[in-house]
Amino acid sequence: MTRHAKGLLLTAIGGVALSFDIPMIKLGGGDAWSAMAVRAGSAFIAALLIKQIAQWLTGRTITLLPGRIGVVIAALYGLTVVAFVIAVKNTSAANVAFIIAFTPAFTAMTAWTFLGERPSRATLLTIAVMVLAVGIIVSDGLQAGSLFGDACAMAAALLIAAVITLSRAAKADVGFAPMIGGIVPTVLGLAVLGSLGEPVRVDNAAWHVFNGMVLLPIAYWCLATGPRYISAPEVSMFYLLETVLAPVWVWLIFSEAPRPAVLIGGALLIGALGAHALWQLRVHGRRVQPSAKSP
C-alpha cells in the first residue's frame, strides 16, 4: 500500500466513524451543553487511557502532544467543537451544514498559502462538486439565520482548515490532539451549566460515553493522522461524509426517512469523493511504478 493509499484509507475510516456522532448524540439526549461536556470529557479520558495501555503493551514512552504545535492543534480542535455547538444553537442546522461544506475550499487555500501545496485541478473540481452536493442536501432548509450563528459556523470551518493544515505542517503524530482538545469544550460546558445553576443532565449517558471513548477516538485519530500521508484538502473532504451518512444512520435507527434531496445530494457527494480517490490512487500508483522496477 502506498503512503497515499494509506492516507485515503485512514481518513475514510475517520469520516465514517465521525458520521455516527449525530445518532449517538440523539440516543444520549440531554441539553447541548451537558451532551458536549460528557461527550468531550469522555474523549479526553479515553486519550489518557489509550496512552497508558499503549505504553504498557509496547514498553515505549508515548507523547500525547508533540511540543507546542501539538498544544496549539489540540486547543484549536477544542475551539472548533465550541464554535460548532454555538452555531447550531444560534442558526439553522442547514445553514451550519452548508457553511461547513466550504471547509475543503478553505483548507485548499490555507495549505496553498502556508505550505505551498497547490491543489490539483481534480481536487478543486471535486471540492466544487461536493459544495454543490451539500447545497442540494440543505437547499430547502437554508434561511436568513442569525448573523452570529452563521459567523460561528464559518469560524468552525476555518478552524478545521487551520488544524488540518497545521497537522500537515507538523509532520508528527498528532493523533491524540483532538481528544486532548476535548478538555476545552468540557470545561466550557460545565462552566455554562454552573453559571445557569443547572446540573449535567442527559437521558442516557452510556451512549455519550461510548461515543466519546470509542467512536470519536477512532474518528479523531484517523482524521488527525491523515495529513501525514495525503494533502490537507483531501483530508478535509472526508469530513463531509458526516453530512451524507449521518441522515442514513438516523433513518436506520430512528426510522426518520431522509428527504429526496438528501439522497440525491448524498449520491453526488459520495460519487465525487469516490471518483477523486480512485483517480488519485491511479496517479500515485503510476508514480511509484518506476521506482518499484529499479534495482
C-alpha atoms as a PDB file:
ATOM      1  CA  MET A   1       0.000   0.000   0.000  1.00  0.00           C
ATOM      2  CA  THR A   2       1.384   3.401  -0.986  1.00  0.00           C
ATOM      3  CA  ARG A   3       1.502   6.251   1.527  1.00  0.00           C
ATOM      4  CA  HIS A   4      -1.279   7.988  -0.385  1.00  0.00           C
ATOM      5  CA  ALA A   5      -3.491   4.891  -0.322  1.00  0.00           C
ATOM      6  CA  LYS A   6      -2.847   4.541   3.407  1.00  0.00           C
ATOM      7  CA  GLY A   7      -3.864   8.164   3.949  1.00  0.00           C
ATOM      8  CA  LEU A   8      -7.065   7.725   1.962  1.00  0.00           C
ATOM      9  CA  LEU A   9      -7.959   4.607   3.938  1.00  0.00           C
ATOM     10  CA  LEU A  10      -7.293   6.280   7.297  1.00  0.00           C
ATOM     11  CA  THR A  11      -9.332   9.375   6.500  1.00  0.00           C
ATOM     12  CA  ALA A  12     -12.170   7.314   5.024  1.00  0.00           C
ATOM     13  CA  ILE A  13     -12.370   5.284   8.252  1.00  0.00           C
ATOM     14  CA  GLY A  14     -12.272   8.505  10.249  1.00  0.00           C
ATOM     15  CA  GLY A  15     -15.028  10.116   8.192  1.00  0.00           C
ATOM     16  CA  VAL A  16     -17.298   7.079   8.530  1.00  0.00           C
ATOM     17  CA  ALA A  17     -16.693   6.847  12.292  1.00  0.00           C
ATOM     18  CA  LEU A  18     -17.422  10.572  12.684  1.00  0.00           C
ATOM     19  CA  SER A  19     -20.733  10.144  10.842  1.00  0.00           C
ATOM     20  CA  PHE A  20     -22.093   8.212  13.855  1.00  0.00           C
ATOM     21  CA  ASP A  21     -21.628  11.258  16.105  1.00  0.00           C
ATOM     22  CA  ILE A  22     -25.092  12.762  15.499  1.00  0.00           C
ATOM     23  CA  PRO A  23     -27.014   9.472  16.021  1.00  0.00           C
ATOM     24  CA  MET A  24     -25.061   8.893  19.256  1.00  0.00           C
ATOM     25  CA  ILE A  25     -25.911  12.396  20.463  1.00  0.00           C
ATOM     26  CA  LYS A  26     -29.598  11.809  19.663  1.00  0.00           C
ATOM     27  CA  LEU A  27     -29.545   8.479  21.519  1.00  0.00           C
ATOM     28  CA  GLY A  28     -27.828  10.058  24.539  1.00  0.00           C
ATOM     29  CA  GLY A  29     -30.164  13.043  24.657  1.00  0.00           C
ATOM     30  CA  GLY A  30     -29.884  15.918  27.112  1.00  0.00           C
ATOM     31  CA  ASP A  31     -29.267  19.626  26.580  1.00  0.00           C
ATOM     32  CA  ALA A  32     -26.467  20.754  24.272  1.00  0.00           C
ATOM     33  CA  TRP A  33     -24.030  21.845  26.988  1.00  0.00           C
ATOM     34  CA  SER A  34     -24.468  18.653  29.020  1.00  0.00           C
ATOM     35  CA  ALA A  35     -24.047  16.450  25.957  1.00  0.00           C
ATOM     36  CA  MET A  36     -20.951  18.395  24.911  1.00  0.00           C
ATOM     37  CA  ALA A  37     -19.360  18.106  28.355  1.00  0.00           C
ATOM     38  CA  VAL A  38     -19.971  14.363  28.693  1.00  0.00           C
ATOM     39  CA  ARG A  39     -19.021  13.578  25.084  1.00  0.00           C
ATOM     40  CA  ALA A  40     -15.822  15.654  25.011  1.00  0.00           C
ATOM     41  CA  GLY A  41     -14.860  14.723  28.553  1.00  0.00           C
ATOM     42  CA  SER A  42     -15.142  11.030  27.700  1.00  0.00           C
ATOM     43  CA  ALA A  43     -12.870  11.537  24.682  1.00  0.00           C
ATOM     44  CA  PHE A  44     -10.288  13.275  26.883  1.00  0.00           C
ATOM     45  CA  ILE A  45     -10.339  10.415  29.394  1.00  0.00           C
ATOM     46  CA  ALA A  46     -10.099   7.912  26.523  1.00  0.00           C
ATOM     47  CA  ALA A  47      -6.896   9.576  25.304  1.00  0.00           C
ATOM     48  CA  LEU A  48      -5.284   9.175  28.730  1.00  0.00           C
ATOM     49  CA  LEU A  49      -6.357   5.530  28.979  1.00  0.00           C
ATOM     50  CA  ILE A  50      -5.231   4.671  25.447  1.00  0.00           C
ATOM     51  CA  LYS A  51      -1.836   6.251  26.137  1.00  0.00           C
ATOM     52  CA  GLN A  52      -1.328   4.187  29.290  1.00  0.00           C
ATOM     53  CA  ILE A  53      -2.450   0.941  27.664  1.00  0.00           C
ATOM     54  CA  ALA A  54      -0.256   1.560  24.601  1.00  0.00           C
ATOM     55  CA  GLN A  55       2.760   2.256  26.816  1.00  0.00           C
ATOM     56  CA  TRP A  56       2.114  -0.921  28.779  1.00  0.00           C
ATOM     57  CA  LEU A  57       1.802  -3.028  25.628  1.00  0.00           C
ATOM     58  CA  THR A  58       4.759  -1.544  23.745  1.00  0.00           C
ATOM     59  CA  GLY A  59       7.088  -0.626  26.586  1.00  0.00           C
ATOM     60  CA  ARG A  60       7.702   2.739  24.916  1.00  0.00           C
ATOM     61  CA  THR A  61       7.014   6.236  26.169  1.00  0.00           C
ATOM     62  CA  ILE A  62       4.181   7.773  24.179  1.00  0.00           C
ATOM     63  CA  THR A  63       3.773  11.526  23.933  1.00  0.00           C
ATOM     64  CA  LEU A  64       0.236  12.841  23.803  1.00  0.00           C
ATOM     65  CA  LEU A  65       1.161  16.134  22.139  1.00  0.00           C
ATOM     66  CA  PRO A  66       4.350  16.735  20.104  1.00  0.00           C
ATOM     67  CA  GLY A  67       5.551  20.020  21.539  1.00  0.00           C
ATOM     68  CA  ARG A  68       3.983  23.449  21.241  1.00  0.00           C
ATOM     69  CA  ILE A  69       2.425  22.815  17.844  1.00  0.00           C
ATOM     70  CA  GLY A  70       0.623  19.825  19.323  1.00  0.00           C
ATOM     71  CA  VAL A  71      -0.789  22.003  22.101  1.00  0.00           C
ATOM     72  CA  VAL A  72      -1.936  24.598  19.545  1.00  0.00           C
ATOM     73  CA  ILE A  73      -3.602  21.923  17.393  1.00  0.00           C
ATOM     74  CA  ALA A  74      -5.376  20.442  20.431  1.00  0.00           C
ATOM     75  CA  ALA A  75      -6.622  23.873  21.525  1.00  0.00           C
ATOM     76  CA  LEU A  76      -7.915  24.647  18.030  1.00  0.00           C
ATOM     77  CA  TYR A  77      -9.752  21.310  17.905  1.00  0.00           C
ATOM     78  CA  GLY A  78     -11.415  22.185  21.207  1.00  0.00           C
ATOM     79  CA  LEU A  79     -12.415  25.624  19.954  1.00  0.00           C
ATOM     80  CA  THR A  80     -13.852  24.011  16.807  1.00  0.00           C
ATOM     81  CA  VAL A  81     -16.279  21.980  18.911  1.00  0.00           C
ATOM     82  CA  VAL A  82     -17.294  25.080  20.865  1.00  0.00           C
ATOM     83  CA  ALA A  83     -17.843  27.148  17.702  1.00  0.00           C
ATOM     84  CA  PHE A  84     -19.880  24.343  16.134  1.00  0.00           C
ATOM     85  CA  VAL A  85     -22.153  23.914  19.164  1.00  0.00           C
ATOM     86  CA  ILE A  86     -22.741  27.675  19.455  1.00  0.00           C
ATOM     87  CA  ALA A  87     -23.509  27.817  15.712  1.00  0.00           C
ATOM     88  CA  VAL A  88     -26.087  25.037  15.997  1.00  0.00           C
ATOM     89  CA  LYS A  89     -27.725  26.829  18.927  1.00  0.00           C
ATOM     90  CA  ASN A  90     -27.929  30.174  17.094  1.00  0.00           C
ATOM     91  CA  THR A  91     -28.760  29.422  13.449  1.00  0.00           C
ATOM     92  CA  SER A  92     -30.431  26.724  11.370  1.00  0.00           C
ATOM     93  CA  ALA A  93     -28.800  23.315  11.017  1.00  0.00           C
ATOM     94  CA  ALA A  94     -28.992  23.680   7.228  1.00  0.00           C
ATOM     95  CA  ASN A  95     -27.023  26.925   7.369  1.00  0.00           C
ATOM     96  CA  VAL A  96     -24.378  25.262   9.525  1.00  0.00           C
ATOM     97  CA  ALA A  97     -24.070  22.255   7.203  1.00  0.00           C
ATOM     98  CA  PHE A  98     -23.769  24.423   4.109  1.00  0.00           C
ATOM     99  CA  ILE A  99     -21.138  26.726   5.620  1.00  0.00           C
ATOM    100  CA  ILE A 100     -19.128  23.774   6.948  1.00  0.00           C
ATOM    101  CA  ALA A 101     -19.167  22.355   3.395  1.00  0.00           C
ATOM    102  CA  PHE A 102     -16.720  25.093   2.413  1.00  0.00           C
ATOM    103  CA  THR A 103     -14.079  23.592   4.737  1.00  0.00           C
ATOM    104  CA  PRO A 104     -12.243  21.800   1.883  1.00  0.00           C
ATOM    105  CA  ALA A 105     -12.035  25.057  -0.072  1.00  0.00           C
ATOM    106  CA  PHE A 106     -10.687  26.907   2.979  1.00  0.00           C
ATOM    107  CA  THR A 107      -8.216  24.091   3.602  1.00  0.00           C
ATOM    108  CA  ALA A 108      -7.022  24.206  -0.001  1.00  0.00           C
ATOM    109  CA  MET A 109      -6.386  27.957   0.339  1.00  0.00           C
ATOM    110  CA  THR A 110      -4.544  27.699   3.671  1.00  0.00           C
ATOM    111  CA  ALA A 111      -2.414  24.758   2.520  1.00  0.00           C
ATOM    112  CA  TRP A 112      -1.548  26.566  -0.708  1.00  0.00           C
ATOM    113  CA  THR A 113      -0.742  29.822   1.113  1.00  0.00           C
ATOM    114  CA  PHE A 114       1.246  28.482   4.054  1.00  0.00           C
ATOM    115  CA  LEU A 115       2.587  25.140   2.818  1.00  0.00           C
ATOM    116  CA  GLY A 116       2.962  25.855  -0.866  1.00  0.00           C
ATOM    117  CA  GLU A 117       0.818  22.802  -1.724  1.00  0.00           C
ATOM    118  CA  ARG A 118      -1.081  23.823  -4.821  1.00  0.00           C
ATOM    119  CA  PRO A 119      -4.243  21.705  -5.157  1.00  0.00           C
ATOM    120  CA  SER A 120      -4.689  19.806  -8.402  1.00  0.00           C
ATOM    121  CA  ARG A 121      -7.467  20.651 -10.817  1.00  0.00           C
ATOM    122  CA  ALA A 122      -9.109  17.338  -9.948  1.00  0.00           C
ATOM    123  CA  THR A 123      -9.153  18.291  -6.263  1.00  0.00           C
ATOM    124  CA  LEU A 124     -10.601  21.747  -6.961  1.00  0.00           C
ATOM    125  CA  LEU A 125     -13.267  20.257  -9.237  1.00  0.00           C
ATOM    126  CA  THR A 126     -14.167  17.667  -6.599  1.00  0.00           C
ATOM    127  CA  ILE A 127     -14.465  20.367  -3.922  1.00  0.00           C
ATOM    128  CA  ALA A 128     -16.806  22.374  -6.157  1.00  0.00           C
ATOM    129  CA  VAL A 129     -18.989  19.321  -6.819  1.00  0.00           C
ATOM    130  CA  MET A 130     -19.116  18.489  -3.097  1.00  0.00           C
ATOM    131  CA  VAL A 131     -20.203  22.029  -2.190  1.00  0.00           C
ATOM    132  CA  LEU A 132     -22.927  21.746  -4.846  1.00  0.00           C
ATOM    133  CA  ALA A 133     -23.985  18.384  -3.389  1.00  0.00           C
ATOM    134  CA  VAL A 134     -24.276  19.797   0.141  1.00  0.00           C
ATOM    135  CA  GLY A 135     -26.211  22.741  -1.310  1.00  0.00           C
ATOM    136  CA  ILE A 136     -28.725  20.278  -2.775  1.00  0.00           C
ATOM    137  CA  ILE A 137     -28.986  18.431   0.547  1.00  0.00           C
ATOM    138  CA  VAL A 138     -29.800  21.540   2.593  1.00  0.00           C
ATOM    139  CA  SER A 139     -31.498  23.583  -0.153  1.00  0.00           C
ATOM    140  CA  ASP A 140     -34.958  23.605   1.406  1.00  0.00           C
ATOM    141  CA  GLY A 141     -33.606  24.391   4.853  1.00  0.00           C
ATOM    142  CA  LEU A 142     -31.416  27.392   4.071  1.00  0.00           C
ATOM    143  CA  GLN A 143     -32.761  30.608   5.519  1.00  0.00           C
ATOM    144  CA  ALA A 144     -31.751  34.003   6.777  1.00  0.00           C
ATOM    145  CA  GLY A 145     -30.260  32.777  10.021  1.00  0.00           C
ATOM    146  CA  SER A 146     -28.587  34.618  12.867  1.00  0.00           C
ATOM    147  CA  LEU A 147     -25.504  36.516  11.751  1.00  0.00           C
ATOM    148  CA  PHE A 148     -23.768  35.438  14.970  1.00  0.00           C
ATOM    149  CA  GLY A 149     -24.648  31.781  14.425  1.00  0.00           C
ATOM    150  CA  ASP A 150     -23.536  31.859  10.796  1.00  0.00           C
ATOM    151  CA  ALA A 151     -20.279  33.533  11.857  1.00  0.00           C
ATOM    152  CA  CYS A 152     -19.649  30.764  14.397  1.00  0.00           C
ATOM    153  CA  ALA A 153     -20.222  28.147  11.695  1.00  0.00           C
ATOM    154  CA  MET A 154     -17.742  29.991   9.485  1.00  0.00           C
ATOM    155  CA  ALA A 155     -15.285  30.070  12.388  1.00  0.00           C
ATOM    156  CA  ALA A 156     -15.678  26.307  12.834  1.00  0.00           C
ATOM    157  CA  ALA A 157     -14.943  25.723   9.135  1.00  0.00           C
ATOM    158  CA  LEU A 158     -11.858  27.959   9.285  1.00  0.00           C
ATOM    159  CA  LEU A 159     -10.645  26.272  12.475  1.00  0.00           C
ATOM    160  CA  ILE A 160     -10.933  22.829  10.881  1.00  0.00           C
ATOM    161  CA  ALA A 161      -8.942  24.102   7.897  1.00  0.00           C
ATOM    162  CA  ALA A 162      -6.327  25.501  10.262  1.00  0.00           C
ATOM    163  CA  VAL A 163      -5.884  22.314  12.294  1.00  0.00           C
ATOM    164  CA  ILE A 164      -5.617  20.140   9.173  1.00  0.00           C
ATOM    165  CA  THR A 165      -3.010  22.488   7.680  1.00  0.00           C
ATOM    166  CA  LEU A 166      -1.063  22.626  10.953  1.00  0.00           C
ATOM    167  CA  SER A 167      -1.213  18.831  11.265  1.00  0.00           C
ATOM    168  CA  ARG A 168       0.185  18.586   7.748  1.00  0.00           C
ATOM    169  CA  ALA A 169       2.956  21.062   8.604  1.00  0.00           C
ATOM    170  CA  ALA A 170       3.820  19.371  11.914  1.00  0.00           C
ATOM    171  CA  LYS A 171       4.882  16.114  10.234  1.00  0.00           C
ATOM    172  CA  ALA A 172       4.464  14.484  13.630  1.00  0.00           C
ATOM    173  CA  ASP A 173       1.970  12.212  15.324  1.00  0.00           C
ATOM    174  CA  VAL A 174      -0.894  14.443  16.441  1.00  0.00           C
ATOM    175  CA  GLY A 175      -3.479  11.654  16.624  1.00  0.00           C
ATOM    176  CA  PHE A 176      -4.226  12.398  20.291  1.00  0.00           C
ATOM    177  CA  ALA A 177      -4.626  16.153  19.777  1.00  0.00           C
ATOM    178  CA  PRO A 178      -8.399  16.204  19.054  1.00  0.00           C
ATOM    179  CA  MET A 179      -9.127  14.089  22.134  1.00  0.00           C
ATOM    180  CA  ILE A 180      -6.891  16.168  24.404  1.00  0.00           C
ATOM    181  CA  GLY A 181      -8.534  19.270  22.966  1.00  0.00           C
ATOM    182  CA  GLY A 182     -11.802  17.918  24.347  1.00  0.00           C
ATOM    183  CA  ILE A 183     -10.872  19.458  27.677  1.00  0.00           C
ATOM    184  CA  VAL A 184     -11.807  22.887  26.235  1.00  0.00           C
ATOM    185  CA  PRO A 185     -15.497  22.149  25.458  1.00  0.00           C
ATOM    186  CA  THR A 186     -15.743  20.033  28.614  1.00  0.00           C
ATOM    187  CA  VAL A 187     -14.667  22.890  30.882  1.00  0.00           C
ATOM    188  CA  LEU A 188     -16.781  25.407  28.965  1.00  0.00           C
ATOM    189  CA  GLY A 189     -19.862  23.183  29.051  1.00  0.00           C
ATOM    190  CA  LEU A 190     -19.533  22.658  32.803  1.00  0.00           C
ATOM    191  CA  ALA A 191     -18.906  26.380  33.321  1.00  0.00           C
ATOM    192  CA  VAL A 192     -22.035  27.358  31.380  1.00  0.00           C
ATOM    193  CA  LEU A 193     -24.166  24.845  33.285  1.00  0.00           C
ATOM    194  CA  GLY A 194     -22.685  26.081  36.562  1.00  0.00           C
ATOM    195  CA  SER A 195     -23.466  29.700  35.718  1.00  0.00           C
ATOM    196  CA  LEU A 196     -27.064  28.696  34.970  1.00  0.00           C
ATOM    197  CA  GLY A 197     -27.299  26.674  38.157  1.00  0.00           C
ATOM    198  CA  GLU A 198     -28.099  23.571  36.136  1.00  0.00           C
ATOM    199  CA  PRO A 199     -26.693  20.069  36.689  1.00  0.00           C
ATOM    200  CA  VAL A 200     -25.350  17.885  33.899  1.00  0.00           C
ATOM    201  CA  ARG A 201     -28.448  16.149  32.540  1.00  0.00           C
ATOM    202  CA  VAL A 202     -28.529  13.576  29.766  1.00  0.00           C
ATOM    203  CA  ASP A 203     -31.146  10.922  29.022  1.00  0.00           C
ATOM    204  CA  ASN A 204     -28.714   8.054  28.537  1.00  0.00           C
ATOM    205  CA  ALA A 205     -25.107   8.792  29.452  1.00  0.00           C
ATOM    206  CA  ALA A 206     -23.932   5.395  28.160  1.00  0.00           C
ATOM    207  CA  TRP A 207     -24.358   6.497  24.527  1.00  0.00           C
ATOM    208  CA  HIS A 208     -22.394   9.713  25.083  1.00  0.00           C
ATOM    209  CA  VAL A 209     -19.639   7.809  26.871  1.00  0.00           C
ATOM    210  CA  PHE A 210     -19.491   5.143  24.128  1.00  0.00           C
ATOM    211  CA  ASN A 211     -19.333   7.900  21.550  1.00  0.00           C
ATOM    212  CA  GLY A 212     -16.585   9.761  23.388  1.00  0.00           C
ATOM    213  CA  MET A 213     -14.479   6.763  24.369  1.00  0.00           C
ATOM    214  CA  VAL A 214     -14.791   4.576  21.262  1.00  0.00           C
ATOM    215  CA  LEU A 215     -16.173   6.232  18.122  1.00  0.00           C
ATOM    216  CA  LEU A 216     -14.647   9.694  18.458  1.00  0.00           C
ATOM    217  CA  PRO A 217     -11.133   8.415  19.282  1.00  0.00           C
ATOM    218  CA  ILE A 218     -11.229   6.299  16.116  1.00  0.00           C
ATOM    219  CA  ALA A 219     -12.557   9.189  14.035  1.00  0.00           C
ATOM    220  CA  TYR A 220     -10.267  11.822  15.502  1.00  0.00           C
ATOM    221  CA  TRP A 221      -7.099   9.724  15.387  1.00  0.00           C
ATOM    222  CA  CYS A 222      -7.645   8.700  11.757  1.00  0.00           C
ATOM    223  CA  LEU A 223      -8.557  12.211  10.584  1.00  0.00           C
ATOM    224  CA  ALA A 224      -5.704  13.812  12.556  1.00  0.00           C
ATOM    225  CA  THR A 225      -3.185  11.270  11.230  1.00  0.00           C
ATOM    226  CA  GLY A 226      -4.346  11.520   7.615  1.00  0.00           C
ATOM    227  CA  PRO A 227      -2.426  14.755   6.843  1.00  0.00           C
ATOM    228  CA  ARG A 228       0.845  12.861   7.304  1.00  0.00           C
ATOM    229  CA  TYR A 229       0.083  10.914   4.131  1.00  0.00           C
ATOM    230  CA  ILE A 230      -2.237  12.952   1.897  1.00  0.00           C
ATOM    231  CA  SER A 231      -2.813  16.624   1.155  1.00  0.00           C
ATOM    232  CA  ALA A 232      -4.791  18.830   3.522  1.00  0.00           C
ATOM    233  CA  PRO A 233      -7.700  19.451   1.088  1.00  0.00           C
ATOM    234  CA  GLU A 234      -8.122  15.700   0.574  1.00  0.00           C
ATOM    235  CA  VAL A 235      -8.359  15.124   4.331  1.00  0.00           C
ATOM    236  CA  SER A 236     -10.939  17.876   4.751  1.00  0.00           C
ATOM    237  CA  MET A 237     -13.175  16.361   2.058  1.00  0.00           C
ATOM    238  CA  PHE A 238     -13.713  13.263   4.185  1.00  0.00           C
ATOM    239  CA  TYR A 239     -15.195  15.396   6.969  1.00  0.00           C
ATOM    240  CA  LEU A 240     -18.203  15.886   4.678  1.00  0.00           C
ATOM    241  CA  LEU A 241     -19.048  12.184   4.849  1.00  0.00           C
ATOM    242  CA  GLU A 242     -20.905  13.044   8.054  1.00  0.00           C
ATOM    243  CA  THR A 243     -23.296  15.268   6.073  1.00  0.00           C
ATOM    244  CA  VAL A 244     -24.299  12.287   3.921  1.00  0.00           C
ATOM    245  CA  LEU A 245     -24.038   9.277   6.213  1.00  0.00           C
ATOM    246  CA  ALA A 246     -25.484  10.730   9.438  1.00  0.00           C
ATOM    247  CA  PRO A 247     -29.018  11.005   7.934  1.00  0.00           C
ATOM    248  CA  VAL A 248     -28.707   7.387   6.773  1.00  0.00           C
ATOM    249  CA  TRP A 249     -27.862   6.148  10.281  1.00  0.00           C
ATOM    250  CA  VAL A 250     -30.684   8.280  11.731  1.00  0.00           C
ATOM    251  CA  TRP A 251     -33.004   6.710   9.165  1.00  0.00           C
ATOM    252  CA  LEU A 252     -31.963   3.190  10.168  1.00  0.00           C
ATOM    253  CA  ILE A 253     -32.030   3.834  13.928  1.00  0.00           C
ATOM    254  CA  PHE A 254     -34.964   6.230  14.342  1.00  0.00           C
ATOM    255  CA  SER A 255     -36.933   5.477  11.139  1.00  0.00           C
ATOM    256  CA  GLU A 256     -36.636   9.143  10.119  1.00  0.00           C
ATOM    257  CA  ALA A 257     -36.633   8.814   6.333  1.00  0.00           C
ATOM    258  CA  PRO A 258     -34.301  11.299   4.610  1.00  0.00           C
ATOM    259  CA  ARG A 259     -35.699  13.720   2.075  1.00  0.00           C
ATOM    260  CA  PRO A 260     -35.125  13.044  -1.655  1.00  0.00           C
ATOM    261  CA  ALA A 261     -32.722  15.997  -1.751  1.00  0.00           C
ATOM    262  CA  VAL A 262     -30.537  14.248   0.844  1.00  0.00           C
ATOM    263  CA  LEU A 263     -30.379  11.095  -1.265  1.00  0.00           C
ATOM    264  CA  ILE A 264     -29.624  12.986  -4.498  1.00  0.00           C
ATOM    265  CA  GLY A 265     -27.018  15.262  -2.938  1.00  0.00           C
ATOM    266  CA  GLY A 266     -25.541  12.379  -0.967  1.00  0.00           C
ATOM    267  CA  ALA A 267     -25.138  10.233  -4.059  1.00  0.00           C
ATOM    268  CA  LEU A 268     -23.438  13.128  -5.837  1.00  0.00           C
ATOM    269  CA  LEU A 269     -21.090  13.780  -2.908  1.00  0.00           C
ATOM    270  CA  ILE A 270     -20.135  10.122  -2.446  1.00  0.00           C
ATOM    271  CA  GLY A 271     -19.659   9.750  -6.197  1.00  0.00           C
ATOM    272  CA  ALA A 272     -17.381  12.792  -6.378  1.00  0.00           C
ATOM    273  CA  LEU A 273     -15.328  11.678  -3.382  1.00  0.00           C
ATOM    274  CA  GLY A 274     -15.040   8.117  -4.679  1.00  0.00           C
ATOM    275  CA  ALA A 275     -14.062   9.222  -8.184  1.00  0.00           C
ATOM    276  CA  HIS A 276     -11.417  11.566  -6.775  1.00  0.00           C
ATOM    277  CA  ALA A 277      -9.984   8.828  -4.552  1.00  0.00           C
ATOM    278  CA  LEU A 278      -9.782   6.358  -7.452  1.00  0.00           C
ATOM    279  CA  TRP A 279      -8.159   8.993  -9.671  1.00  0.00           C
ATOM    280  CA  GLN A 280      -5.572   9.832  -7.010  1.00  0.00           C
ATOM    281  CA  LEU A 281      -4.796   6.150  -6.439  1.00  0.00           C
ATOM    282  CA  ARG A 282      -4.233   5.756 -10.168  1.00  0.00           C
ATOM    283  CA  VAL A 283      -1.999   8.838 -10.386  1.00  0.00           C
ATOM    284  CA  HIS A 284       0.103   7.932  -7.347  1.00  0.00           C
ATOM    285  CA  GLY A 285       0.251   4.301  -8.431  1.00  0.00           C
ATOM    286  CA  ARG A 286       1.856   5.380 -11.694  1.00  0.00           C
ATOM    287  CA  ARG A 287       4.407   7.482  -9.823  1.00  0.00           C
ATOM    288  CA  VAL A 288       5.671   4.569  -7.727  1.00  0.00           C
ATOM    289  CA  GLN A 289       5.876   2.040 -10.561  1.00  0.00           C
ATOM    290  CA  PRO A 290       9.247   3.202 -11.982  1.00  0.00           C
ATOM    291  CA  SER A 291      10.915   3.107  -8.563  1.00  0.00           C
ATOM    292  CA  ALA A 292       9.471  -0.363  -7.912  1.00  0.00           C
ATOM    293  CA  LYS A 293      11.098  -1.680 -11.075  1.00  0.00           C
ATOM    294  CA  SER A 294      14.506  -0.130 -10.441  1.00  0.00           C
ATOM    295  CA  PRO A 295      17.176  -2.360  -8.833  1.00  0.00           C
END
